[in-house]
Amino acid sequence: MASGNVNLSELNSIRECVTSHQTVAAKLNDFANKCSDPQVKQMFSQASTQAGQAASKLTQML
């Protein structure tokens, strides 16, 4: 979106990506909370954080 203008199709695609990343972040966080292995827990937690950050960055594009 170099021009700063986003058409409706692009907007809907970005919204779908945001929703997908938020869903993934929530699921990974849930997996992390259910893990007993500290290394696996940390892996899921970090991945959840990254997915949440990606969703935030996409939201900022809107």
C-alpha atoms as a PDB file:
ATOM      1  CA  MET A   1       0.000   0.000   0.000  1.00  0.00           C
ATOM      2  CA  ALA A   2       2.656   2.381  -1.085  1.00  0.00           C
ATOM      3  CA  SER A   3       0.119   4.978  -2.144  1.00  0.00           C
ATOM      4  CA  GLY A   4      -1.645   4.904   1.230  1.00  0.00           C
ATOM      5  CA  ASN A   5      -4.936   3.978  -0.392  1.00  0.00           C
ATOM      6  CA  VAL A   6      -6.450   0.595   0.318  1.00  0.00           C
ATOM      7  CA  ASN A   7      -9.357  -0.717  -1.684  1.00  0.00           C
ATOM      8  CA  LEU A   8     -12.169  -2.717  -0.105  1.00  0.00           C
ATOM      9  CA  SER A   9     -10.762  -6.061  -1.214  1.00  0.00           C
ATOM     10  CA  GLU A  10      -7.370  -5.274   0.313  1.00  0.00           C
ATOM     11  CA  LEU A  11      -9.009  -4.024   3.497  1.00  0.00           C
ATOM     12  CA  ASN A  12     -10.981  -7.249   3.841  1.00  0.00           C
ATOM     13  CA  SER A  13      -7.829  -9.301   3.249  1.00  0.00           C
ATOM     14  CA  ILE A  14      -5.966  -7.409   5.962  1.00  0.00           C
ATOM     15  CA  ARG A  15      -8.888  -7.871   8.350  1.00  0.00           C
ATOM     16  CA  GLU A  16      -8.890 -11.619   7.653  1.00  0.00           C
ATOM     17  CA  CYS A  17      -5.162 -11.761   8.344  1.00  0.00           C
ATOM     18  CA  VAL A  18      -5.604  -9.846  11.605  1.00  0.00           C
ATOM     19  CA  THR A  19      -8.364 -12.200  12.710  1.00  0.00           C
ATOM     20  CA  SER A  20      -6.286 -15.240  11.768  1.00  0.00           C
ATOM     21  CA  HIS A  21      -3.247 -13.992  13.677  1.00  0.00           C
ATOM     22  CA  GLN A  22      -5.390 -13.197  16.726  1.00  0.00           C
ATOM     23  CA  THR A  23      -6.894 -16.684  16.620  1.00  0.00           C
ATOM     24  CA  VAL A  24      -3.482 -18.304  16.317  1.00  0.00           C
ATOM     25  CA  ALA A  25      -2.139 -16.165  19.168  1.00  0.00           C
ATOM     26  CA  ALA A  26      -5.012 -17.220  21.430  1.00  0.00           C
ATOM     27  CA  LYS A  27      -4.600 -20.907  20.583  1.00  0.00           C
ATOM     28  CA  LEU A  28      -0.846 -20.840  21.100  1.00  0.00           C
ATOM     29  CA  ASN A  29      -1.332 -19.071  24.422  1.00  0.00           C
ATOM     30  CA  ASP A  30      -3.823 -21.753  25.436  1.00  0.00           C
ATOM     31  CA  PHE A  31      -1.318 -24.461  24.457  1.00  0.00           C
ATOM     32  CA  ALA A  32       1.364 -22.702  26.499  1.00  0.00           C
ATOM     33  CA  ASN A  33      -0.906 -22.568  29.534  1.00  0.00           C
ATOM     34  CA  LYS A  34      -1.584 -26.306  29.285  1.00  0.00           C
ATOM     35  CA  CYS A  35       2.078 -27.310  28.895  1.00  0.00           C
ATOM     36  CA  SER A  36       4.083 -28.719  31.728  1.00  0.00           C
ATOM     37  CA  ASP A  37       7.418 -28.798  29.862  1.00  0.00           C
ATOM     38  CA  PRO A  38       9.054 -25.388  30.411  1.00  0.00           C
ATOM     39  CA  GLN A  39      10.816 -25.332  27.036  1.00  0.00           C
ATOM     40  CA  VAL A  40       7.687 -26.203  25.080  1.00  0.00           C
ATOM     41  CA  LYS A  41       5.691 -23.735  27.185  1.00  0.00           C
ATOM     42  CA  GLN A  42       8.186 -20.994  26.331  1.00  0.00           C
ATOM     43  CA  MET A  43       8.098 -21.904  22.638  1.00  0.00           C
ATOM     44  CA  PHE A  44       4.302 -21.651  22.517  1.00  0.00           C
ATOM     45  CA  SER A  45       4.342 -18.455  24.545  1.00  0.00           C
ATOM     46  CA  GLN A  46       6.880 -16.779  22.256  1.00  0.00           C
ATOM     47  CA  ALA A  47       4.978 -17.866  19.155  1.00  0.00           C
ATOM     48  CA  SER A  48       1.774 -16.493  20.683  1.00  0.00           C
ATOM     49  CA  THR A  49       3.458 -13.158  21.343  1.00  0.00           C
ATOM     50  CA  GLN A  50       4.791 -13.004  17.785  1.00  0.00           C
ATOM     51  CA  ALA A  51       1.365 -13.749  16.310  1.00  0.00           C
ATOM     52  CA  GLY A  52      -0.168 -11.041  18.499  1.00  0.00           C
ATOM     53  CA  GLN A  53       2.480  -8.562  17.401  1.00  0.00           C
ATOM     54  CA  ALA A  54       1.835  -9.408  13.749  1.00  0.00           C
ATOM     55  CA  ALA A  55      -1.888  -8.780  14.283  1.00  0.00           C
ATOM     56  CA  SER A  56      -1.089  -5.408  15.894  1.00  0.00           C
ATOM     57  CA  LYS A  57       1.170  -4.379  13.026  1.00  0.00           C
ATOM     58  CA  LEU A  58      -1.503  -5.321  10.481  1.00  0.00           C
ATOM     59  CA  THR A  59      -4.107  -3.372  12.456  1.00  0.00           C
ATOM     60  CA  GLN A  60      -1.849  -0.308  12.375  1.00  0.00           C
ATOM     61  CA  MET A  61      -1.878  -0.531   8.582  1.00  0.00           C
ATOM     62  CA  LEU A  62      -5.602   0.104   8.631  1.00  0.00           C
END
